Amino acid sequence: MRKIVIAVSGVPGAGKTTYARFIAEEYKLR
């Protein structure tokens, strides 16, 4: 979950889509 927080902190606004996909992948793995 910490990786997601770091990703959010490093993602401005245009990367929300990539960030959303990242979360989806994390949920699939878990």
N, C-alpha and C. Protein backbone atom coordinates (compact mmCIF):
# COMPACT_ATOMS: atom_id res chain seq x y z
N MET A 1 0.84 -1.20 0.00
CA MET A 1 0.00 0.00 0.00
C MET A 1 0.88 1.25 0.00
N ARG A 2 2.05 1.15 0.59
CA ARG A 2 2.93 2.32 0.63
C ARG A 2 3.36 2.72 -0.77
N LYS A 3 3.53 1.72 -1.64
CA LYS A 3 3.92 2.03 -3.02
C LYS A 3 2.86 2.90 -3.67
N ILE A 4 1.59 2.61 -3.38
CA ILE A 4 0.49 3.38 -3.96
C ILE A 4 0.57 4.82 -3.46
N VAL A 5 0.84 5.00 -2.17
CA VAL A 5 0.92 6.34 -1.60
C VAL A 5 2.03 7.12 -2.27
N ILE A 6 3.19 6.48 -2.46
CA ILE A 6 4.32 7.13 -3.12
C ILE A 6 3.95 7.50 -4.54
N ALA A 7 3.25 6.58 -5.21
CA ALA A 7 2.85 6.84 -6.59
C ALA A 7 1.92 8.05 -6.65
N VAL A 8 0.99 8.13 -5.72
CA VAL A 8 0.05 9.25 -5.69
C VAL A 8 0.80 10.55 -5.47
N SER A 9 1.79 10.52 -4.58
CA SER A 9 2.55 11.73 -4.27
C SER A 9 3.35 12.18 -5.49
N GLY A 10 3.81 11.22 -6.29
CA GLY A 10 4.64 11.56 -7.44
C GLY A 10 3.82 11.78 -8.70
N VAL A 11 2.51 11.58 -8.60
CA VAL A 11 1.65 11.75 -9.78
C VAL A 11 0.90 13.07 -9.72
N PRO A 12 1.10 13.94 -10.72
CA PRO A 12 0.40 15.23 -10.79
C PRO A 12 -1.09 15.03 -11.03
N GLY A 13 -1.57 15.33 -12.22
CA GLY A 13 -3.00 15.17 -12.51
C GLY A 13 -3.19 14.38 -13.79
N ALA A 14 -2.20 14.48 -14.70
CA ALA A 14 -2.31 13.79 -15.98
C ALA A 14 -2.02 12.30 -15.80
N GLY A 15 -1.38 11.94 -14.70
CA GLY A 15 -1.00 10.55 -14.48
C GLY A 15 -2.01 9.79 -13.65
N LYS A 16 -3.18 10.41 -13.43
CA LYS A 16 -4.19 9.73 -12.61
C LYS A 16 -4.64 8.44 -13.26
N THR A 17 -4.67 8.41 -14.59
CA THR A 17 -5.09 7.19 -15.29
C THR A 17 -4.09 6.07 -15.01
N THR A 18 -2.80 6.38 -15.16
CA THR A 18 -1.77 5.38 -14.91
C THR A 18 -1.82 4.95 -13.45
N TYR A 19 -2.05 5.92 -12.56
CA TYR A 19 -2.12 5.63 -11.13
C TYR A 19 -3.32 4.73 -10.83
N ALA A 20 -4.42 4.96 -11.53
CA ALA A 20 -5.62 4.13 -11.33
C ALA A 20 -5.33 2.70 -11.78
N ARG A 21 -4.64 2.57 -12.91
CA ARG A 21 -4.31 1.23 -13.41
C ARG A 21 -3.38 0.52 -12.44
N PHE A 22 -2.46 1.29 -11.85
CA PHE A 22 -1.52 0.72 -10.90
C PHE A 22 -2.27 0.12 -9.72
N ILE A 23 -3.24 0.87 -9.21
CA ILE A 23 -4.05 0.39 -8.09
C ILE A 23 -4.81 -0.87 -8.49
N ALA A 24 -5.34 -0.87 -9.70
CA ALA A 24 -6.09 -2.03 -10.19
C ALA A 24 -5.18 -3.26 -10.18
N GLU A 25 -3.94 -3.08 -10.62
CA GLU A 25 -2.99 -4.20 -10.65
C GLU A 25 -2.72 -4.69 -9.23
N GLU A 26 -2.53 -3.74 -8.30
CA GLU A 26 -2.26 -4.10 -6.91
C GLU A 26 -3.43 -4.91 -6.34
N TYR A 27 -4.65 -4.49 -6.66
CA TYR A 27 -5.83 -5.19 -6.15
C TYR A 27 -5.92 -6.58 -6.75
N LYS A 28 -5.56 -6.71 -8.02
CA LYS A 28 -5.61 -8.02 -8.67
C LYS A 28 -4.59 -8.96 -8.04
N LEU A 29 -3.42 -8.43 -7.72
CA LEU A 29 -2.38 -9.26 -7.12
C LEU A 29 -2.82 -9.71 -5.73
N ARG A 30 -3.56 -8.84 -5.04
CA ARG A 30 -4.00 -9.17 -3.69
C ARG A 30 -5.44 -9.62 -3.76
